[in-house]
PDB file of N, CA and C in Angstrom:
ATOM      1  N   MET A   1     128.151  50.983 140.642  1.00  0.00           N
ATOM      2  CA  MET A   1     127.298  52.073 141.059  1.00  0.00           C
ATOM      3  C   MET A   1     126.548  52.591 139.825  1.00  0.00           C
ATOM      4  N   THR A   2     125.296  52.793 139.983  1.00  0.00           N
ATOM      5  CA  THR A   2     124.499  53.280 138.852  1.00  0.00           C
ATOM      6  C   THR A   2     124.736  54.768 138.651  1.00  0.00           C
ATOM      7  N   LYS A   3     124.376  55.233 137.470  1.00  0.00           N
ATOM      8  CA  LYS A   3     124.542  56.652 137.154  1.00  0.00           C
ATOM      9  C   LYS A   3     123.717  57.516 138.105  1.00  0.00           C
ATOM     10  N   ASP A   4     122.499  57.079 138.419  1.00  0.00           N
ATOM     11  CA  ASP A   4     121.647  57.842 139.335  1.00  0.00           C
ATOM     12  C   ASP A   4     122.266  57.926 140.727  1.00  0.00           C
ATOM     13  N   ALA A   5     122.806  56.812 141.206  1.00  0.00           N
ATOM     14  CA  ALA A   5     123.436  56.799 142.525  1.00  0.00           C
ATOM     15  C   ALA A   5     124.661  57.710 142.539  1.00  0.00           C
ATOM     16  N   ARG A   6     125.440  57.651 141.453  1.00  0.00           N
ATOM     17  CA  ARG A   6     126.626  58.500 141.354  1.00  0.00           C
ATOM     18  C   ARG A   6     126.213  59.970 141.343  1.00  0.00           C
ATOM     19  N   ASP A   7     125.196  60.315 140.597  1.00  0.00           N
ATOM     20  CA  ASP A   7     124.720  61.698 140.523  1.00  0.00           C
ATOM     21  C   ASP A   7     124.233  62.189 141.887  1.00  0.00           C
ATOM     22  N   ILE A   8     123.542  61.334 142.622  1.00  0.00           N
ATOM     23  CA  ILE A   8     123.062  61.700 143.962  1.00  0.00           C
ATOM     24  C   ILE A   8     124.243  61.921 144.899  1.00  0.00           C
ATOM     25  N   LEU A   9     125.233  61.043 144.815  1.00  0.00           N
ATOM     26  CA  LEU A   9     126.425  61.184 145.648  1.00  0.00           C
ATOM     27  C   LEU A   9     127.151  62.496 145.342  1.00  0.00           C
ATOM     28  N   ILE A  10     127.291  62.819 144.076  1.00  0.00           N
ATOM     29  CA  ILE A  10     127.940  64.072 143.669  1.00  0.00           C
ATOM     30  C   ILE A  10     127.149  65.268 144.198  1.00  0.00           C
ATOM     31  N   ASP A  11     125.825  65.215 144.071  1.00  0.00           N
ATOM     32  CA  ASP A  11     124.980  66.301 144.586  1.00  0.00           C
ATOM     33  C   ASP A  11     125.161  66.470 146.093  1.00  0.00           C
ATOM     34  N   CYS A  12     125.254  65.358 146.813  1.00  0.00           N
ATOM     35  CA  CYS A  12     125.451  65.413 148.267  1.00  0.00           C
ATOM     36  C   CYS A  12     126.808  66.040 148.605  1.00  0.00           C
ATOM     37  N   CYS A  13     127.831  65.674 147.859  1.00  0.00           N
ATOM     38  CA  CYS A  13     129.170  66.235 148.091  1.00  0.00           C
ATOM     39  C   CYS A  13     129.178  67.737 147.834  1.00  0.00           C
ATOM     40  N   VAL A  14     128.551  68.153 146.760  1.00  0.00           N
ATOM     41  CA  VAL A  14     128.476  69.578 146.430  1.00  0.00           C
ATOM     42  C   VAL A  14     127.725  70.325 147.528  1.00  0.00           C
ATOM     43  N   GLU A  15     126.634  69.757 147.999  1.00  0.00           N
ATOM     44  CA  GLU A  15     125.847  70.385 149.053  1.00  0.00           C
ATOM     45  C   GLU A  15     126.656  70.478 150.348  1.00  0.00           C
ATOM     46  N   PHE A  16     127.402  69.434 150.686  1.00  0.00           N
ATOM     47  CA  PHE A  16     128.239  69.431 151.887  1.00  0.00           C
ATOM     48  C   PHE A  16     129.295  70.526 151.799  1.00  0.00           C
ATOM     49  N   ILE A  17     129.963  70.626 150.661  1.00  0.00           N
ATOM     50  CA  ILE A  17     130.991  71.648 150.476  1.00  0.00           C
ATOM     51  C   ILE A  17     130.378  73.044 150.560  1.00  0.00           C
ATOM     52  N   SER A  18     129.218  73.223 149.973  1.00  0.00           N
ATOM     53  CA  SER A  18     128.536  74.519 150.045  1.00  0.00           C
ATOM     54  C   SER A  18     128.169  74.877 151.477  1.00  0.00           C
ATOM     55  N   LEU A  19     127.686  73.898 152.225  1.00  0.00           N
ATOM     56  CA  LEU A  19     127.304  74.114 153.616  1.00  0.00           C
ATOM     57  C   LEU A  19     128.513  74.508 154.456  1.00  0.00           C
ATOM     58  N   VAL A  20     129.619  73.771 154.312  1.00  0.00           N
ATOM     59  CA  VAL A  20     130.836  74.074 155.071  1.00  0.00           C
ATOM     60  C   VAL A  20     131.383  75.438 154.661  1.00  0.00           C
ATOM     61  N   SER A  21     131.383  75.722 153.369  1.00  0.00           N
ATOM     62  CA  SER A  21     131.880  77.010 152.880  1.00  0.00           C
ATOM     63  C   SER A  21     131.058  78.169 153.428  1.00  0.00           C
ATOM     64  N   SER A  22     129.755  78.018 153.423  1.00  0.00           N
ATOM     65  CA  SER A  22     128.872  79.062 153.921  1.00  0.00           C
ATOM     66  C   SER A  22     129.101  79.309 155.412  1.00  0.00           C
ATOM     67  N   GLU A  23     129.221  78.240 156.169  1.00  0.00           N
ATOM     68  CA  GLU A  23     129.455  78.364 157.614  1.00  0.00           C
ATOM     69  C   GLU A  23     130.829  78.992 157.879  1.00  0.00           C
ATOM     70  N   ALA A  24     131.844  78.576 157.127  1.00  0.00           N
ATOM     71  CA  ALA A  24     133.187  79.147 157.287  1.00  0.00           C
ATOM     72  C   ALA A  24     133.165  80.635 156.937  1.00  0.00           C
ATOM     73  N   ASN A  25     132.408  80.992 155.925  1.00  0.00           N
ATOM     74  CA  ASN A  25     132.276  82.399 155.542  1.00  0.00           C
ATOM     75  C   ASN A  25     131.621  83.208 156.663  1.00  0.00           C
ATOM     76  N   ASP A  26     130.582  82.646 157.272  1.00  0.00           N
ATOM     77  CA  ASP A  26     129.914  83.329 158.395  1.00  0.00           C
ATOM     78  C   ASP A  26     130.890  83.538 159.551  1.00  0.00           C
ATOM     79  N   ILE A  27     131.679  82.526 159.854  1.00  0.00           N
ATOM     80  CA  ILE A  27     132.661  82.626 160.938  1.00  0.00           C
ATOM     81  C   ILE A  27     133.693  83.698 160.607  1.00  0.00           C
ATOM     82  N   MET A  28     134.173  83.689 159.368  1.00  0.00           N
ATOM     83  CA  MET A  28     135.149  84.674 158.926  1.00  0.00           C
ATOM     84  C   MET A  28     134.591  86.089 159.098  1.00  0.00           C
ATOM     85  N   GLU A  29     133.353  86.307 158.692  1.00  0.00           N
ATOM     86  CA  GLU A  29     132.736  87.631 158.806  1.00  0.00           C
ATOM     87  C   GLU A  29     132.557  88.049 160.257  1.00  0.00           C
ATOM     88  N   ARG A  30     132.180  87.099 161.128  1.00  0.00           N
ATOM     89  CA  ARG A  30     132.042  87.417 162.554  1.00  0.00           C
ATOM     90  C   ARG A  30     133.370  87.862 163.145  1.00  0.00           C
ATOM     91  N   GLU A  31     134.462  87.330 162.605  1.00  0.00           N
ATOM     92  CA  GLU A  31     135.802  87.694 163.088  1.00  0.00           C
ATOM     93  C   GLU A  31     136.360  88.909 162.348  1.00  0.00           C
ATOM     94  N   SER A  32     135.546  89.505 161.489  1.00  0.00           N
ATOM     95  CA  SER A  32     135.952  90.686 160.701  1.00  0.00           C
ATOM     96  C   SER A  32     137.198  90.414 159.866  1.00  0.00           C
ATOM     97  N   LYS A  33     137.263  89.235 159.295  1.00  0.00           N
ATOM     98  CA  LYS A  33     138.374  88.878 158.410  1.00  0.00           C
ATOM     99  C   LYS A  33     137.901  89.005 156.972  1.00  0.00           C
ATOM    100  N   LYS A  34     138.860  88.968 156.042  1.00  0.00           N
ATOM    101  CA  LYS A  34     138.528  89.094 154.622  1.00  0.00           C
ATOM    102  C   LYS A  34     138.765  87.813 153.845  1.00  0.00           C
ATOM    103  N   THR A  35     139.439  86.846 154.463  1.00  0.00           N
ATOM    104  CA  THR A  35     139.769  85.599 153.778  1.00  0.00           C
ATOM    105  C   THR A  35     139.441  84.422 154.688  1.00  0.00           C
ATOM    106  N   ILE A  36     138.846  83.410 154.113  1.00  0.00           N
ATOM    107  CA  ILE A  36     138.558  82.200 154.878  1.00  0.00           C
ATOM    108  C   ILE A  36     139.868  81.441 155.084  1.00  0.00           C
ATOM    109  N   SER A  37     140.178  81.140 156.325  1.00  0.00           N
ATOM    110  CA  SER A  37     141.396  80.400 156.651  1.00  0.00           C
ATOM    111  C   SER A  37     141.040  78.938 156.949  1.00  0.00           C
ATOM    112  N   PRO A  38     142.048  78.071 156.988  1.00  0.00           N
ATOM    113  CA  PRO A  38     141.777  76.677 157.358  1.00  0.00           C
ATOM    114  C   PRO A  38     141.121  76.560 158.735  1.00  0.00           C
ATOM    115  N   GLU A  39     141.473  77.464 159.637  1.00  0.00           N
ATOM    116  CA  GLU A  39     140.875  77.442 160.975  1.00  0.00           C
ATOM    117  C   GLU A  39     139.374  77.747 160.905  1.00  0.00           C
ATOM    118  N   HIS A  40     138.977  78.625 159.995  1.00  0.00           N
ATOM    119  CA  HIS A  40     137.551  78.906 159.825  1.00  0.00           C
ATOM    120  C   HIS A  40     136.819  77.656 159.335  1.00  0.00           C
ATOM    121  N   VAL A  41     137.451  76.923 158.430  1.00  0.00           N
ATOM    122  CA  VAL A  41     136.850  75.686 157.927  1.00  0.00           C
ATOM    123  C   VAL A  41     136.746  74.671 159.062  1.00  0.00           C
ATOM    124  N   GLY A  42     137.803  74.575 159.866  1.00  0.00           N
ATOM    125  CA  GLY A  42     137.769  73.667 161.015  1.00  0.00           C
ATOM    126  C   GLY A  42     136.660  74.021 161.983  1.00  0.00           C
ATOM    127  N   ASP A  43     136.532  75.306 162.291  1.00  0.00           N
ATOM    128  CA  ASP A  43     135.467  75.748 163.192  1.00  0.00           C
ATOM    129  C   ASP A  43     134.085  75.470 162.590  1.00  0.00           C
ATOM    130  N   ALA A  44     133.959  75.657 161.270  1.00  0.00           N
ATOM    131  CA  ALA A  44     132.688  75.381 160.600  1.00  0.00           C
ATOM    132  C   ALA A  44     132.340  73.895 160.719  1.00  0.00           C
ATOM    133  N   LEU A  45     133.326  73.048 160.503  1.00  0.00           N
ATOM    134  CA  LEU A  45     133.076  71.606 160.623  1.00  0.00           C
ATOM    135  C   LEU A  45     132.619  71.245 162.036  1.00  0.00           C
ATOM    136  N   LYS A  46     133.250  71.849 163.045  1.00  0.00           N
ATOM    137  CA  LYS A  46     132.850  71.587 164.434  1.00  0.00           C
ATOM    138  C   LYS A  46     131.406  72.039 164.666  1.00  0.00           C
ATOM    139  N   GLU A  47     131.087  73.257 164.212  1.00  0.00           N
ATOM    140  CA  GLU A  47     129.745  73.796 164.427  1.00  0.00           C
ATOM    141  C   GLU A  47     128.673  72.985 163.696  1.00  0.00           C
ATOM    142  N   LEU A  48     129.048  72.382 162.572  1.00  0.00           N
ATOM    143  CA  LEU A  48     128.084  71.590 161.805  1.00  0.00           C
ATOM    144  C   LEU A  48     128.008  70.138 162.264  1.00  0.00           C
ATOM    145  N   GLY A  49     128.815  69.788 163.275  1.00  0.00           N
ATOM    146  CA  GLY A  49     128.749  68.438 163.828  1.00  0.00           C
ATOM    147  C   GLY A  49     129.674  67.436 163.163  1.00  0.00           C
ATOM    148  N   PHE A  50     130.767  67.919 162.572  1.00  0.00           N
ATOM    149  CA  PHE A  50     131.738  67.036 161.931  1.00  0.00           C
ATOM    150  C   PHE A  50     133.144  67.236 162.506  1.00  0.00           C
ATOM    151  N   PRO A  51     133.284  67.164 163.833  1.00  0.00           N
ATOM    152  CA  PRO A  51     134.600  67.437 164.432  1.00  0.00           C
ATOM    153  C   PRO A  51     135.663  66.399 164.049  1.00  0.00           C
ATOM    154  N   GLU A  52     135.213  65.217 163.644  1.00  0.00           N
ATOM    155  CA  GLU A  52     136.174  64.162 163.285  1.00  0.00           C
ATOM    156  C   GLU A  52     136.977  64.503 162.028  1.00  0.00           C
ATOM    157  N   TYR A  53     136.528  65.470 161.245  1.00  0.00           N
ATOM    158  CA  TYR A  53     137.239  65.856 160.019  1.00  0.00           C
ATOM    159  C   TYR A  53     138.258  66.981 160.234  1.00  0.00           C
ATOM    160  N   VAL A  54     138.160  67.666 161.356  1.00  0.00           N
ATOM    161  CA  VAL A  54     138.963  68.876 161.573  1.00  0.00           C
ATOM    162  C   VAL A  54     140.459  68.599 161.508  1.00  0.00           C
ATOM    163  N   GLN A  55     140.916  67.594 162.215  1.00  0.00           N
ATOM    164  CA  GLN A  55     142.352  67.312 162.266  1.00  0.00           C
ATOM    165  C   GLN A  55     142.916  67.038 160.864  1.00  0.00           C
ATOM    166  N   GLU A  56     142.207  66.249 160.087  1.00  0.00           N
ATOM    167  CA  GLU A  56     142.664  65.923 158.734  1.00  0.00           C
ATOM    168  C   GLU A  56     142.656  67.150 157.821  1.00  0.00           C
ATOM    169  N   VAL A  57     141.634  67.983 157.952  1.00  0.00           N
ATOM    170  CA  VAL A  57     141.552  69.199 157.131  1.00  0.00           C
ATOM    171  C   VAL A  57     142.720  70.132 157.453  1.00  0.00           C
ATOM    172  N   LEU A  58     142.988  70.341 158.734  1.00  0.00           N
ATOM    173  CA  LEU A  58     144.081  71.234 159.126  1.00  0.00           C
ATOM    174  C   LEU A  58     145.440  70.661 158.732  1.00  0.00           C
ATOM    175  N   ALA A  59     145.603  69.343 158.835  1.00  0.00           N
ATOM    176  CA  ALA A  59     146.859  68.715 158.424  1.00  0.00           C
ATOM    177  C   ALA A  59     147.066  68.865 156.922  1.00  0.00           C
ATOM    178  N   THR A  60     146.015  68.665 156.161  1.00  0.00           N
ATOM    179  CA  THR A  60     146.103  68.813 154.703  1.00  0.00           C
ATOM    180  C   THR A  60     146.413  70.258 154.320  1.00  0.00           C
ATOM    181  N   ALA A  61     145.798  71.205 155.008  1.00  0.00           N
ATOM    182  CA  ALA A  61     146.084  72.621 154.743  1.00  0.00           C
ATOM    183  C   ALA A  61     147.542  72.938 155.053  1.00  0.00           C
ATOM    184  N   GLY A  62     148.062  72.370 156.132  1.00  0.00           N
ATOM    185  CA  GLY A  62     149.474  72.570 156.476  1.00  0.00           C
ATOM    186  C   GLY A  62     150.403  71.974 155.437  1.00  0.00           C
ATOM    187  N   ASP A  63     150.061  70.783 154.952  1.00  0.00           N
ATOM    188  CA  ASP A  63     150.862  70.145 153.895  1.00  0.00           C
ATOM    189  C   ASP A  63     150.869  70.997 152.636  1.00  0.00           C
ATOM    190  N   GLN A  64     149.721  71.529 152.287  1.00  0.00           N
ATOM    191  CA  GLN A  64     149.617  72.376 151.096  1.00  0.00           C
ATOM    192  C   GLN A  64     150.476  73.620 151.246  1.00  0.00           C
ATOM    193  N   LYS A  65     150.453  74.210 152.438  1.00  0.00           N
ATOM    194  CA  LYS A  65     151.253  75.414 152.693  1.00  0.00           C
ATOM    195  C   LYS A  65     152.746  75.105 152.537  1.00  0.00           C
ATOM    196  N   GLU A  66     153.175  73.958 153.037  1.00  0.00           N
ATOM    197  CA  GLU A  66     154.577  73.556 152.909  1.00  0.00           C
ATOM    198  C   GLU A  66     154.959  73.316 151.450  1.00  0.00           C
ATOM    199  N   GLN A  67     154.065  72.708 150.692  1.00  0.00           N
ATOM    200  CA  GLN A  67     154.337  72.468 149.274  1.00  0.00           C
ATOM    201  C   GLN A  67     154.490  73.780 148.523  1.00  0.00           C
ATOM    202  N   LEU A  68     153.674  74.766 148.857  1.00  0.00           N
ATOM    203  CA  LEU A  68     153.778  76.070 148.199  1.00  0.00           C
ATOM    204  C   LEU A  68     155.113  76.737 148.521  1.00  0.00           C
ATOM    205  N   LYS A  69     155.582  76.587 149.747  1.00  0.00           N
ATOM    206  CA  LYS A  69     156.861  77.174 150.145  1.00  0.00           C
ATOM    207  C   LYS A  69     158.017  76.534 149.397  1.00  0.00           C
ATOM    208  N   SER A  70     157.919  75.237 149.153  1.00  0.00           N
ATOM    209  CA  SER A  70     159.041  74.513 148.569  1.00  0.00           C
ATOM    210  C   SER A  70     159.065  74.557 147.042  1.00  0.00           C
ATOM    211  N   ARG A  71     158.045  75.123 146.430  1.00  0.00           N
ATOM    212  CA  ARG A  71     158.044  75.231 144.968  1.00  0.00           C
ATOM    213  C   ARG A  71     159.201  76.109 144.517  1.00  0.00           C
ATOM    214  N   GLU A  72     159.697  75.791 143.345  1.00  0.00           N
ATOM    215  CA  GLU A  72     160.759  76.613 142.795  1.00  0.00           C
ATOM    216  C   GLU A  72     160.223  78.001 142.488  1.00  0.00           C
ATOM    217  N   LYS A  73     161.037  78.989 142.817  1.00  0.00           N
ATOM    218  CA  LYS A  73     160.654  80.357 142.506  1.00  0.00           C
ATOM    219  C   LYS A  73     160.817  80.566 141.014  1.00  0.00           C
ATOM    220  N   LYS A  74     159.766  81.071 140.399  1.00  0.00           N
ATOM    221  CA  LYS A  74     159.846  81.336 138.966  1.00  0.00           C
ATOM    222  C   LYS A  74     160.731  82.560 138.738  1.00  0.00           C
ATOM    223  N   THR A  75     161.532  82.495 137.695  1.00  0.00           N
ATOM    224  CA  THR A  75     162.403  83.619 137.404  1.00  0.00           C
ATOM    225  C   THR A  75     161.657  84.644 136.553  1.00  0.00           C
ATOM    226  N   SER A  76     161.949  85.890 136.807  1.00  0.00           N
ATOM    227  CA  SER A  76     161.303  86.958 136.053  1.00  0.00           C
ATOM    228  C   SER A  76     162.053  87.193 134.751  1.00  0.00           C
ATOM    229  N   LYS A  77     161.427  87.956 133.874  1.00  0.00           N
ATOM    230  CA  LYS A  77     162.076  88.309 132.610  1.00  0.00           C
ATOM    231  C   LYS A  77     163.369  89.049 132.884  1.00  0.00           C
ATOM    232  N   MET A  78     163.375  89.874 133.916  1.00  0.00           N
ATOM    233  CA  MET A  78     164.575  90.629 134.261  1.00  0.00           C
ATOM    234  C   MET A  78     165.708  89.673 134.634  1.00  0.00           C
ATOM    235  N   GLU A  79     165.395  88.660 135.433  1.00  0.00           N
ATOM    236  CA  GLU A  79     166.411  87.690 135.841  1.00  0.00           C
ATOM    237  C   GLU A  79     166.864  86.840 134.658  1.00  0.00           C
ATOM    238  N   GLN A  80     165.949  86.560 133.737  1.00  0.00           N
ATOM    239  CA  GLN A  80     166.278  85.740 132.581  1.00  0.00           C
ATOM    240  C   GLN A  80     167.115  86.491 131.560  1.00  0.00           C
ATOM    241  N   SER A  81     167.114  87.819 131.625  1.00  0.00           N
ATOM    242  CA  SER A  81     167.820  88.617 130.616  1.00  0.00           C
ATOM    243  C   SER A  81     169.332  88.414 130.672  1.00  0.00           C
ATOM    244  N   GLY A  82     169.845  88.071 131.849  1.00  0.00           N
ATOM    245  CA  GLY A  82     171.285  87.900 131.995  1.00  0.00           C
ATOM    246  C   GLY A  82     172.026  89.219 132.143  1.00  0.00           C
ATOM    247  N   LEU A  83     171.304  90.331 132.182  1.00  0.00           N
ATOM    248  CA  LEU A  83     171.932  91.641 132.311  1.00  0.00           C
ATOM    249  C   LEU A  83     172.041  92.029 133.786  1.00  0.00           C
ATOM    250  N   SER A  84     173.069  92.821 134.097  1.00  0.00           N
ATOM    251  CA  SER A  84     173.217  93.306 135.468  1.00  0.00           C
ATOM    252  C   SER A  84     172.203  94.413 135.724  1.00  0.00           C
ATOM    253  N   GLN A  85     172.065  94.785 136.985  1.00  0.00           N
ATOM    254  CA  GLN A  85     171.145  95.859 137.351  1.00  0.00           C
ATOM    255  C   GLN A  85     171.529  97.152 136.620  1.00  0.00           C
ATOM    256  N   GLU A  86     172.827  97.438 136.560  1.00  0.00           N
ATOM    257  CA  GLU A  86     173.295  98.657 135.891  1.00  0.00           C
ATOM    258  C   GLU A  86     172.972  98.623 134.394  1.00  0.00           C
ATOM    259  N   GLU A  87     173.165  97.468 133.760  1.00  0.00           N
ATOM    260  CA  GLU A  87     172.865  97.334 132.324  1.00  0.00           C
ATOM    261  C   GLU A  87     171.370  97.500 132.059  1.00  0.00           C
ATOM    262  N   LEU A  88     170.569  96.950 132.939  1.00  0.00           N
ATOM    263  CA  LEU A  88     169.116  97.090 132.792  1.00  0.00           C
ATOM    264  C   LEU A  88     168.690  98.546 132.938  1.00  0.00           C
ATOM    265  N   GLU A  89     169.275  99.235 133.909  1.00  0.00           N
ATOM    266  CA  GLU A  89     168.944 100.646 134.110  1.00  0.00           C
ATOM    267  C   GLU A  89     169.380 101.485 132.911  1.00  0.00           C
ATOM    268  N   ALA A  90     170.557 101.195 132.346  1.00  0.00           N
ATOM    269  CA  ALA A  90     171.033 101.918 131.159  1.00  0.00           C
ATOM    270  C   ALA A  90     170.089 101.683 129.984  1.00  0.00           C
ATOM    271  N   LYS A  91     169.643 100.445 129.819  1.00  0.00           N
ATOM    272  CA  LYS A  91     168.708 100.112 128.741  1.00  0.00           C
ATOM    273  C   LYS A  91     167.384 100.857 128.939  1.00  0.00           C
ATOM    274  N   GLN A  92     166.937 100.939 130.174  1.00  0.00           N
ATOM    275  CA  GLN A  92     165.702 101.649 130.472  1.00  0.00           C
ATOM    276  C   GLN A  92     165.845 103.138 130.140  1.00  0.00           C
ATOM    277  N   ARG A  93     166.959 103.759 130.536  1.00  0.00           N
ATOM    278  CA  ARG A  93     167.196 105.173 130.220  1.00  0.00           C
ATOM    279  C   ARG A  93     167.205 105.397 128.708  1.00  0.00           C
ATOM    280  N   GLU A  94     167.834 104.466 127.985  1.00  0.00           N
ATOM    281  CA  GLU A  94     167.899 104.552 126.524  1.00  0.00           C
ATOM    282  C   GLU A  94     166.493 104.505 125.916  1.00  0.00           C
ATOM    283  N   LEU A  95     165.684 103.589 126.393  1.00  0.00           N
ATOM    284  CA  LEU A  95     164.318 103.472 125.884  1.00  0.00           C
ATOM    285  C   LEU A  95     163.486 104.706 126.217  1.00  0.00           C
ATOM    286  N   PHE A  96     163.648 105.249 127.436  1.00  0.00           N
ATOM    287  CA  PHE A  96     162.937 106.474 127.799  1.00  0.00           C
ATOM    288  C   PHE A  96     163.370 107.633 126.902  1.00  0.00           C
ATOM    289  N   GLN A  97     164.660 107.722 126.626  1.00  0.00           N
ATOM    290  CA  GLN A  97     165.166 108.791 125.773  1.00  0.00           C
ATOM    291  C   GLN A  97     164.610 108.661 124.360  1.00  0.00           C
ATOM    292  N   MET A  98     164.561 107.443 123.839  1.00  0.00           N
ATOM    293  CA  MET A  98     164.004 107.226 122.503  1.00  0.00           C
ATOM    294  C   MET A  98     162.531 107.633 122.458  1.00  0.00           C
ATOM    295  N   ALA A  99     161.788 107.301 123.514  1.00  0.00           N
ATOM    296  CA  ALA A  99     160.363 107.651 123.568  1.00  0.00           C
ATOM    297  C   ALA A  99     160.193 109.161 123.665  1.00  0.00           C
ATOM    298  N   THR A 100     161.039 109.815 124.462  1.00  0.00           N
ATOM    299  CA  THR A 100     160.987 111.271 124.602  1.00  0.00           C
ATOM    300  C   THR A 100     161.296 111.945 123.274  1.00  0.00           C
ATOM    301  N   ASP A 101     162.339 111.475 122.600  1.00  0.00           N
ATOM    302  CA  ASP A 101     162.721 112.040 121.302  1.00  0.00           C
ATOM    303  C   ASP A 101     161.579 111.884 120.298  1.00  0.00           C
ATOM    304  N   LYS A 102     160.982 110.738 120.276  1.00  0.00           N
ATOM    305  CA  LYS A 102     159.879 110.480 119.340  1.00  0.00           C
ATOM    306  C   LYS A 102     158.699 111.395 119.652  1.00  0.00           C
ATOM    307  N   TYR A 103     158.423 111.584 120.931  1.00  0.00           N
ATOM    308  CA  TYR A 103     157.314 112.451 121.344  1.00  0.00           C
ATOM    309  C   TYR A 103     157.594 113.900 120.953  1.00  0.00           C
ATOM    310  N   ASN A 104     158.831 114.364 121.155  1.00  0.00           N
ATOM    311  CA  ASN A 104     159.196 115.737 120.868  1.00  0.00           C
ATOM    312  C   ASN A 104     159.224 116.038 119.362  1.00  0.00           C
ATOM    313  N   GLN A 105     159.358 115.021 118.556  1.00  0.00           N
ATOM    314  CA  GLN A 105     159.346 115.224 117.093  1.00  0.00           C
ATOM    315  C   GLN A 105     157.959 115.590 116.599  1.00  0.00           C
ATOM    316  N   GLY A 106     156.968 115.253 117.352  1.00  0.00           N
ATOM    317  CA  GLY A 106     155.601 115.547 116.944  1.00  0.00           C
ATOM    318  C   GLY A 106     155.082 114.521 115.968  1.00  0.00           C
ATOM    319  N   PRO A 107     153.871 114.750 115.457  1.00  0.00           N
ATOM    320  CA  PRO A 107     153.261 113.766 114.549  1.00  0.00           C
ATOM    321  C   PRO A 107     154.026 113.699 113.218  1.00  0.00           C
ATOM    322  N   ALA A 108     154.082 112.509 112.680  1.00  0.00           N
ATOM    323  CA  ALA A 108     154.745 112.309 111.383  1.00  0.00           C
ATOM    324  C   ALA A 108     153.912 112.960 110.294  1.00  0.00           C
ATOM    325  N   GLU A 109     154.587 113.588 109.353  1.00  0.00           N
ATOM    326  CA  GLU A 109     153.867 114.282 108.269  1.00  0.00           C
ATOM    327  C   GLU A 109     153.763 113.458 107.044  1.00  0.00           C
TER     328      GLU A 109
END
């Protein structure tokens, strides 16, 4: 494939995605929603005359949703600390007290 042909193909793909996105956005707004859902994309494809893509798009969106559910939950700094809830609360009180004491001392001379 020549560079010109590849560039034209890329431009066509970008235009197709923009067209579908714009139509899905219009559908979303008509439904008074705030986020484009896979169903909006499916409806956009149907309205634009590409119903043969809908099933695959919705299946892929479902697969993606399942993958997100199965990802390992990242641990927070609190969970990584190894301290119990009570120990964390005691540490927090200690830090608040230190900040209060420092504030009450006033500016350093």
